[in-house]
């Protein structure tokens, strides 16, 4: 697992200990960021505030920082995942731009003052077939984590159903092997 683009391109990332985490493949992550950078009219990572929910190794948020995001918040309820994000951010010298929160993403409170919110981009990568994407998305949307026109990317299993909450529009979907990215835009 490595950073696939931006100023940290090629730098390796370490995953959390244990087998509970399923990292997004480098190839799928590269495709995802190509879509974000080149396929979403009016969207720019430059200076954006990002939230990476179910962050695991932090690869999605760290990739965003590598490509010009100003700040990334990483949310996971697994201590090993938080430790992996902390170590990866330190190795990349991005720790000043990273806020780590050990939280249950399905029960979010409003963002703490340490977080640069609302965020323009959210990544949600829950365990496949868990049903956790919908409540986490709802919390981000209703608790002030996202800008009124935020772009959200939810990764689910290729055949897993996903129903976005009200006020959120599916603008694109792409499958990569066992993974499917659902691109959403808030419409508040």
C-alpha atoms as a PDB file:
ATOM      1  CA  UNK A   1       0.000   0.000   0.000  1.00  0.00           C
ATOM      2  CA  UNK A   2       1.407   3.376  -1.011  1.00  0.00           C
ATOM      3  CA  UNK A   3       0.468   6.966  -1.840  1.00  0.00           C
ATOM      4  CA  UNK A   4      -0.336   6.984  -5.568  1.00  0.00           C
ATOM      5  CA  UNK A   5      -0.191  10.695  -6.408  1.00  0.00           C
ATOM      6  CA  UNK A   6       0.836  14.163  -5.335  1.00  0.00           C
ATOM      7  CA  UNK A   7       3.920  15.240  -3.439  1.00  0.00           C
ATOM      8  CA  UNK A   8       4.162  11.937  -1.488  1.00  0.00           C
ATOM      9  CA  UNK A   9       3.722   9.714  -4.539  1.00  0.00           C
ATOM     10  CA  UNK A  10       5.267   6.269  -4.068  1.00  0.00           C
ATOM     11  CA  UNK A  11       5.677   6.604  -0.296  1.00  0.00           C
ATOM     12  CA  UNK A  12       4.632   3.414   1.522  1.00  0.00           C
ATOM     13  CA  UNK A  13       1.807   3.267   4.064  1.00  0.00           C
ATOM     14  CA  UNK A  14       1.411   0.775   6.875  1.00  0.00           C
ATOM     15  CA  UNK A  15      -1.915  -0.783   7.759  1.00  0.00           C
ATOM     16  CA  UNK A  16      -3.250  -1.345  11.250  1.00  0.00           C
ATOM     17  CA  UNK A  17      -2.426  -4.544  13.086  1.00  0.00           C
ATOM     18  CA  UNK A  18      -4.928  -7.360  12.723  1.00  0.00           C
ATOM     19  CA  UNK A  19      -7.152  -8.490   9.904  1.00  0.00           C
ATOM     20  CA  UNK A  20     -10.179  -6.298  10.623  1.00  0.00           C
ATOM     21  CA  UNK A  21      -9.158  -3.685   8.041  1.00  0.00           C
ATOM     22  CA  UNK A  22      -9.577  -4.047   4.270  1.00  0.00           C
ATOM     23  CA  UNK A  23      -7.527  -1.302   2.604  1.00  0.00           C
ATOM     24  CA  UNK A  24      -8.644   0.204  -0.687  1.00  0.00           C
ATOM     25  CA  UNK A  25      -6.253  -1.060  -3.366  1.00  0.00           C
ATOM     26  CA  UNK A  26      -3.718   1.348  -4.846  1.00  0.00           C
ATOM     27  CA  UNK A  27      -5.290   0.930  -8.288  1.00  0.00           C
ATOM     28  CA  UNK A  28      -8.816   1.678  -7.061  1.00  0.00           C
ATOM     29  CA  UNK A  29      -7.562   4.657  -5.037  1.00  0.00           C
ATOM     30  CA  UNK A  30      -5.734   6.032  -8.073  1.00  0.00           C
ATOM     31  CA  UNK A  31      -8.922   5.726 -10.143  1.00  0.00           C
ATOM     32  CA  UNK A  32     -10.955   7.368  -7.382  1.00  0.00           C
ATOM     33  CA  UNK A  33      -8.650  10.387  -7.216  1.00  0.00           C
ATOM     34  CA  UNK A  34      -8.510  10.687 -11.006  1.00  0.00           C
ATOM     35  CA  UNK A  35     -12.307  10.932 -10.972  1.00  0.00           C
ATOM     36  CA  UNK A  36     -12.240  13.513  -8.163  1.00  0.00           C
ATOM     37  CA  UNK A  37      -9.563  15.659  -9.780  1.00  0.00           C
ATOM     38  CA  UNK A  38     -10.640  15.400 -13.422  1.00  0.00           C
ATOM     39  CA  UNK A  39     -14.250  14.249 -13.438  1.00  0.00           C
ATOM     40  CA  UNK A  40     -16.049  16.402 -10.889  1.00  0.00           C
ATOM     41  CA  UNK A  41     -16.695  19.812 -12.386  1.00  0.00           C
ATOM     42  CA  UNK A  42     -16.058  22.663  -9.963  1.00  0.00           C
ATOM     43  CA  UNK A  43     -14.380  20.471  -7.340  1.00  0.00           C
ATOM     44  CA  UNK A  44     -10.829  21.089  -6.196  1.00  0.00           C
ATOM     45  CA  UNK A  45      -8.770  19.347  -3.536  1.00  0.00           C
ATOM     46  CA  UNK A  46      -6.511  22.388  -3.211  1.00  0.00           C
ATOM     47  CA  UNK A  47      -7.066  23.833   0.249  1.00  0.00           C
ATOM     48  CA  UNK A  48     -10.019  21.537   0.987  1.00  0.00           C
ATOM     49  CA  UNK A  49     -10.884  20.177   4.396  1.00  0.00           C
ATOM     50  CA  UNK A  50     -11.471  16.409   4.262  1.00  0.00           C
ATOM     51  CA  UNK A  51     -12.969  13.830   6.615  1.00  0.00           C
ATOM     52  CA  UNK A  52     -11.947  10.155   6.277  1.00  0.00           C
ATOM     53  CA  UNK A  53     -14.510   8.004   8.103  1.00  0.00           C
ATOM     54  CA  UNK A  54     -13.715   4.359   8.916  1.00  0.00           C
ATOM     55  CA  UNK A  55     -10.183   5.508   8.122  1.00  0.00           C
ATOM     56  CA  UNK A  56      -8.224   2.286   8.681  1.00  0.00           C
ATOM     57  CA  UNK A  57      -4.675   3.145   7.566  1.00  0.00           C
ATOM     58  CA  UNK A  58      -5.735   6.674   6.600  1.00  0.00           C
ATOM     59  CA  UNK A  59      -4.828   6.062   2.950  1.00  0.00           C
ATOM     60  CA  UNK A  60      -7.746   8.076   1.514  1.00  0.00           C
ATOM     61  CA  UNK A  61      -7.258  11.134   3.716  1.00  0.00           C
ATOM     62  CA  UNK A  62      -3.462  11.020   3.385  1.00  0.00           C
ATOM     63  CA  UNK A  63      -3.804  10.724  -0.392  1.00  0.00           C
ATOM     64  CA  UNK A  64      -5.972  13.869  -0.296  1.00  0.00           C
ATOM     65  CA  UNK A  65      -3.302  15.690   1.742  1.00  0.00           C
ATOM     66  CA  UNK A  66      -0.629  14.556  -0.717  1.00  0.00           C
ATOM     67  CA  UNK A  67      -2.691  16.084  -3.515  1.00  0.00           C
ATOM     68  CA  UNK A  68      -3.220  19.483  -1.875  1.00  0.00           C
ATOM     69  CA  UNK A  69      -5.967  19.215   0.751  1.00  0.00           C
ATOM     70  CA  UNK A  70      -5.355  21.614   3.638  1.00  0.00           C
ATOM     71  CA  UNK A  71      -6.531  19.413   6.490  1.00  0.00           C
ATOM     72  CA  UNK A  72      -7.845  15.891   7.063  1.00  0.00           C
ATOM     73  CA  UNK A  73      -9.805  14.449   9.954  1.00  0.00           C
ATOM     74  CA  UNK A  74      -9.565  10.700  10.457  1.00  0.00           C
ATOM     75  CA  UNK A  75     -12.368   8.887  12.294  1.00  0.00           C
ATOM     76  CA  UNK A  76     -12.186   5.270  13.398  1.00  0.00           C
ATOM     77  CA  UNK A  77     -13.211   3.393  16.536  1.00  0.00           C
ATOM     78  CA  UNK A  78     -10.309   0.935  16.310  1.00  0.00           C
ATOM     79  CA  UNK A  79      -7.205   1.837  18.344  1.00  0.00           C
ATOM     80  CA  UNK A  80      -4.884   0.015  15.915  1.00  0.00           C
ATOM     81  CA  UNK A  81      -6.318   2.036  13.020  1.00  0.00           C
ATOM     82  CA  UNK A  82      -5.791   5.321  14.870  1.00  0.00           C
ATOM     83  CA  UNK A  83      -2.199   4.272  15.660  1.00  0.00           C
ATOM     84  CA  UNK A  84      -1.594   3.391  11.984  1.00  0.00           C
ATOM     85  CA  UNK A  85      -2.935   6.771  10.806  1.00  0.00           C
ATOM     86  CA  UNK A  86      -0.786   8.549  13.394  1.00  0.00           C
ATOM     87  CA  UNK A  87       2.336   6.655  12.250  1.00  0.00           C
ATOM     88  CA  UNK A  88       1.604   7.195   8.543  1.00  0.00           C
ATOM     89  CA  UNK A  89       0.936  10.920   9.036  1.00  0.00           C
ATOM     90  CA  UNK A  90       4.185  11.251  10.989  1.00  0.00           C
ATOM     91  CA  UNK A  91       6.261   9.454   8.322  1.00  0.00           C
ATOM     92  CA  UNK A  92       4.757  11.714   5.643  1.00  0.00           C
ATOM     93  CA  UNK A  93       5.285  14.776   7.872  1.00  0.00           C
ATOM     94  CA  UNK A  94       1.556  15.551   7.608  1.00  0.00           C
ATOM     95  CA  UNK A  95       0.785  15.230  11.323  1.00  0.00           C
ATOM     96  CA  UNK A  96       0.091  18.970  11.678  1.00  0.00           C
ATOM     97  CA  UNK A  97      -2.656  18.699   9.056  1.00  0.00           C
ATOM     98  CA  UNK A  98      -4.152  15.519  10.530  1.00  0.00           C
ATOM     99  CA  UNK A  99      -6.750  15.345  13.292  1.00  0.00           C
ATOM    100  CA  UNK A 100      -7.394  11.850  14.647  1.00  0.00           C
ATOM    101  CA  UNK A 101     -10.633  11.003  16.426  1.00  0.00           C
ATOM    102  CA  UNK A 102     -11.439   7.645  18.013  1.00  0.00           C
ATOM    103  CA  UNK A 103     -15.211   7.723  17.559  1.00  0.00           C
ATOM    104  CA  UNK A 104     -18.145   5.560  16.569  1.00  0.00           C
ATOM    105  CA  UNK A 105     -18.903   6.986  13.129  1.00  0.00           C
ATOM    106  CA  UNK A 106     -22.550   5.970  13.373  1.00  0.00           C
ATOM    107  CA  UNK A 107     -23.077   8.196  16.430  1.00  0.00           C
ATOM    108  CA  UNK A 108     -21.336  11.418  15.509  1.00  0.00           C
ATOM    109  CA  UNK A 109     -21.685  14.578  17.525  1.00  0.00           C
ATOM    110  CA  UNK A 110     -20.972  17.975  15.962  1.00  0.00           C
ATOM    111  CA  UNK A 111     -17.292  18.342  15.010  1.00  0.00           C
ATOM    112  CA  UNK A 112     -14.943  19.452  17.791  1.00  0.00           C
ATOM    113  CA  UNK A 113     -13.195  22.822  17.481  1.00  0.00           C
ATOM    114  CA  UNK A 114      -9.923  21.091  16.490  1.00  0.00           C
ATOM    115  CA  UNK A 115     -11.539  19.984  13.226  1.00  0.00           C
ATOM    116  CA  UNK A 116     -11.594  22.398  10.310  1.00  0.00           C
ATOM    117  CA  UNK A 117     -15.271  21.901   9.529  1.00  0.00           C
ATOM    118  CA  UNK A 118     -17.448  21.904   7.618  1.00  0.00           C
ATOM    119  CA  UNK A 119     -15.584  19.666   5.174  1.00  0.00           C
ATOM    120  CA  UNK A 120     -15.862  19.830   1.384  1.00  0.00           C
ATOM    121  CA  UNK A 121     -15.000  16.147   0.896  1.00  0.00           C
ATOM    122  CA  UNK A 122     -15.864  13.015   2.868  1.00  0.00           C
ATOM    123  CA  UNK A 123     -14.667   9.453   2.409  1.00  0.00           C
ATOM    124  CA  UNK A 124     -16.648   6.630   3.995  1.00  0.00           C
ATOM    125  CA  UNK A 125     -15.127   3.161   3.767  1.00  0.00           C
ATOM    126  CA  UNK A 126     -16.966   0.965   6.298  1.00  0.00           C
ATOM    127  CA  UNK A 127     -16.533  -2.806   6.488  1.00  0.00           C
ATOM    128  CA  UNK A 128     -18.333  -4.404   3.546  1.00  0.00           C
ATOM    129  CA  UNK A 129     -21.885  -5.642   4.138  1.00  0.00           C
ATOM    130  CA  UNK A 130     -21.986  -3.873   7.536  1.00  0.00           C
ATOM    131  CA  UNK A 131     -24.775  -1.389   6.818  1.00  0.00           C
ATOM    132  CA  UNK A 132     -22.721   1.317   8.568  1.00  0.00           C
ATOM    133  CA  UNK A 133     -22.403   3.701   5.611  1.00  0.00           C
ATOM    134  CA  UNK A 134     -25.969   5.025   5.814  1.00  0.00           C
ATOM    135  CA  UNK A 135     -25.965   6.025   9.520  1.00  0.00           C
ATOM    136  CA  UNK A 136     -22.459   7.485   9.245  1.00  0.00           C
ATOM    137  CA  UNK A 137     -23.474   9.518   6.184  1.00  0.00           C
ATOM    138  CA  UNK A 138     -26.586  10.726   8.039  1.00  0.00           C
ATOM    139  CA  UNK A 139     -24.449  11.865  10.994  1.00  0.00           C
ATOM    140  CA  UNK A 140     -21.990  13.742   8.789  1.00  0.00           C
ATOM    141  CA  UNK A 141     -24.884  15.430   7.003  1.00  0.00           C
ATOM    142  CA  UNK A 142     -26.966  16.440  10.026  1.00  0.00           C
ATOM    143  CA  UNK A 143     -24.274  17.254  12.600  1.00  0.00           C
ATOM    144  CA  UNK A 144     -22.438  19.998  10.689  1.00  0.00           C
ATOM    145  CA  UNK A 145     -19.479  18.035   9.349  1.00  0.00           C
ATOM    146  CA  UNK A 146     -20.108  18.880   5.675  1.00  0.00           C
ATOM    147  CA  UNK A 147     -20.468  21.985   3.528  1.00  0.00           C
ATOM    148  CA  UNK A 148     -23.814  22.528   1.816  1.00  0.00           C
ATOM    149  CA  UNK A 149     -22.447  21.159  -1.492  1.00  0.00           C
ATOM    150  CA  UNK A 150     -19.948  18.629  -0.117  1.00  0.00           C
ATOM    151  CA  UNK A 151     -18.784  15.744  -2.253  1.00  0.00           C
ATOM    152  CA  UNK A 152     -18.870  12.339  -0.532  1.00  0.00           C
ATOM    153  CA  UNK A 153     -17.427   9.041  -1.686  1.00  0.00           C
ATOM    154  CA  UNK A 154     -18.765   5.864  -0.131  1.00  0.00           C
ATOM    155  CA  UNK A 155     -16.961   2.578  -0.754  1.00  0.00           C
ATOM    156  CA  UNK A 156     -19.144  -0.508  -0.443  1.00  0.00           C
ATOM    157  CA  UNK A 157     -18.972  -4.048  -1.777  1.00  0.00           C
ATOM    158  CA  UNK A 158     -19.748  -4.219  -5.501  1.00  0.00           C
ATOM    159  CA  UNK A 159     -23.106  -5.913  -4.897  1.00  0.00           C
ATOM    160  CA  UNK A 160     -23.955  -4.253  -1.564  1.00  0.00           C
ATOM    161  CA  UNK A 161     -27.060  -2.052  -1.523  1.00  0.00           C
ATOM    162  CA  UNK A 162     -26.585   1.566  -0.471  1.00  0.00           C
ATOM    163  CA  UNK A 163     -29.400   4.099  -0.085  1.00  0.00           C
ATOM    164  CA  UNK A 164     -28.219   7.667   0.516  1.00  0.00           C
ATOM    165  CA  UNK A 165     -30.142   9.817   3.001  1.00  0.00           C
ATOM    166  CA  UNK A 166     -32.487  12.592   1.901  1.00  0.00           C
ATOM    167  CA  UNK A 167     -30.758  15.668   0.568  1.00  0.00           C
ATOM    168  CA  UNK A 168     -27.976  13.606  -0.984  1.00  0.00           C
ATOM    169  CA  UNK A 169     -27.833  12.823  -4.696  1.00  0.00           C
ATOM    170  CA  UNK A 170     -25.907   9.969  -6.303  1.00  0.00           C
ATOM    171  CA  UNK A 171     -23.885  11.577  -9.108  1.00  0.00           C
ATOM    172  CA  UNK A 172     -21.723   8.637 -10.177  1.00  0.00           C
ATOM    173  CA  UNK A 173     -20.920   5.000  -9.372  1.00  0.00           C
ATOM    174  CA  UNK A 174     -17.869   2.993 -10.360  1.00  0.00           C
ATOM    175  CA  UNK A 175     -16.932  -0.626  -9.629  1.00  0.00           C
ATOM    176  CA  UNK A 176     -13.379  -1.929  -9.259  1.00  0.00           C
ATOM    177  CA  UNK A 177     -13.290  -5.659  -8.599  1.00  0.00           C
ATOM    178  CA  UNK A 178     -14.997  -6.317  -5.263  1.00  0.00           C
ATOM    179  CA  UNK A 179     -15.371  -2.578  -4.518  1.00  0.00           C
ATOM    180  CA  UNK A 180     -17.900   0.012  -5.657  1.00  0.00           C
ATOM    181  CA  UNK A 181     -17.450   3.758  -5.189  1.00  0.00           C
ATOM    182  CA  UNK A 182     -20.664   5.750  -4.884  1.00  0.00           C
ATOM    183  CA  UNK A 183     -20.120   9.478  -5.492  1.00  0.00           C
ATOM    184  CA  UNK A 184     -22.619  11.684  -3.700  1.00  0.00           C
ATOM    185  CA  UNK A 185     -23.308  15.406  -3.668  1.00  0.00           C
ATOM    186  CA  UNK A 186     -25.145  17.158  -0.871  1.00  0.00           C
ATOM    187  CA  UNK A 187     -28.139  19.186  -2.002  1.00  0.00           C
ATOM    188  CA  UNK A 188     -29.149  21.216   1.027  1.00  0.00           C
END
